Amino acid sequence: MKEKLKIEDFSPSLFWDVDKTTLDVEQHRRFIIERTLTHGTLSDWYLIKGYYGKEIIKAESKQVRYLDKQTLAFCAAYFHEPLHNF
């Protein structure tokens, strides 16, 4: 069983604008994945990849309303998906 992911494990600046005590890693996973993809460090990426796995990250990133060009290109390349799928 995977160990519980804690918001405190992420870079301190990643969730600077929200009350971290209200974030639940399951209930708010799309927000956490989006924020990590767009503003996170490589260490933050490894945290979500290890906890959620590639398929959940792919599915959630496809539901994000906006991804910047760099994040979009990364997701398309990493998940081997056309840009328009995101």
Protein backbone atom coordinates (compact mmCIF):
# COMPACT_ATOMS: atom_id res chain seq x y z
CA MET A 1 0.00 0.00 0.00
CA LYS A 2 1.30 3.42 -0.90
CA GLU A 3 2.10 5.88 1.83
CA LYS A 4 -0.28 8.80 2.31
CA LEU A 5 0.78 11.89 0.42
CA LYS A 6 0.90 15.02 2.55
CA ILE A 7 0.66 18.59 1.31
CA GLU A 8 3.65 19.40 3.51
CA ASP A 9 5.76 17.13 1.26
CA PHE A 10 5.45 19.59 -1.64
CA SER A 11 7.51 22.73 -2.23
CA PRO A 12 6.32 25.42 0.21
CA SER A 13 5.57 27.89 -2.59
CA LEU A 14 3.36 25.49 -4.57
CA PHE A 15 0.18 26.13 -2.59
CA TRP A 16 0.98 29.60 -1.31
CA ASP A 17 -2.46 30.99 -2.14
CA VAL A 18 -4.66 28.37 -0.45
CA ASP A 19 -5.19 27.10 3.07
CA LYS A 20 -3.08 23.95 2.97
CA THR A 21 -4.99 22.45 5.88
CA THR A 22 -8.12 22.23 3.71
CA LEU A 23 -6.46 20.36 0.83
CA ASP A 24 -7.22 16.67 0.63
CA VAL A 25 -4.97 14.69 -1.74
CA GLU A 26 -7.88 12.61 -3.04
CA GLN A 27 -10.68 15.14 -3.09
CA HIS A 28 -8.50 17.88 -4.63
CA ARG A 29 -6.26 15.72 -6.80
CA ARG A 30 -6.97 17.60 -10.04
CA PHE A 31 -5.98 20.88 -8.42
CA ILE A 32 -2.84 19.33 -6.90
CA ILE A 33 -1.86 17.72 -10.20
CA GLU A 34 -2.52 20.92 -12.16
CA ARG A 35 -0.53 23.07 -9.75
CA THR A 36 2.34 20.58 -9.74
CA LEU A 37 2.43 20.38 -13.53
CA THR A 38 2.33 24.13 -14.02
CA HIS A 39 4.38 25.40 -11.06
CA GLY A 40 6.04 22.45 -9.36
CA THR A 41 9.62 21.30 -9.17
CA LEU A 42 10.97 17.97 -10.33
CA SER A 43 10.67 16.74 -6.73
CA ASP A 44 6.99 17.73 -6.72
CA TRP A 45 6.52 15.83 -10.00
CA TYR A 46 8.02 12.69 -8.46
CA LEU A 47 5.61 13.02 -5.51
CA ILE A 48 2.48 13.03 -7.67
CA LYS A 49 3.87 10.42 -10.03
CA GLY A 50 4.63 8.07 -7.15
CA TYR A 51 1.31 8.63 -5.44
CA TYR A 52 -1.26 8.99 -8.23
CA GLY A 53 0.50 7.12 -11.03
CA LYS A 54 0.76 7.95 -14.70
CA GLU A 55 -2.80 7.05 -15.70
CA ILE A 56 -4.51 9.21 -13.09
CA ILE A 57 -2.21 12.15 -13.85
CA LYS A 58 -2.96 11.76 -17.56
CA ALA A 59 -6.72 11.56 -17.01
CA GLU A 60 -6.78 14.54 -14.65
CA SER A 61 -4.51 16.68 -16.83
CA LYS A 62 -6.91 16.14 -19.73
CA GLN A 63 -9.66 17.69 -17.59
CA VAL A 64 -7.72 20.82 -16.62
CA ARG A 65 -9.29 23.88 -18.18
CA TYR A 66 -6.00 25.58 -19.13
CA LEU A 67 -2.41 24.44 -19.47
CA ASP A 68 0.34 26.82 -20.55
CA LYS A 69 2.25 25.94 -23.73
CA GLN A 70 5.23 24.45 -21.90
CA THR A 71 3.08 22.24 -19.67
CA LEU A 72 0.92 21.24 -22.61
CA ALA A 73 3.98 20.20 -24.63
CA PHE A 74 5.36 18.23 -21.67
CA CYS A 75 2.07 16.37 -21.13
CA ALA A 76 1.68 15.56 -24.82
CA ALA A 77 5.23 14.21 -25.05
CA TYR A 78 5.23 12.37 -21.72
CA PHE A 79 1.87 10.70 -22.23
CA HIS A 80 2.36 10.16 -25.99
CA GLU A 81 -0.88 12.00 -26.76
CA PRO A 82 -1.68 14.66 -29.37
CA LEU A 83 -1.80 18.23 -28.04
CA HIS A 84 -5.51 18.52 -28.78
CA ASN A 85 -6.28 15.77 -26.25
CA PHE A 86 -5.41 18.17 -23.43
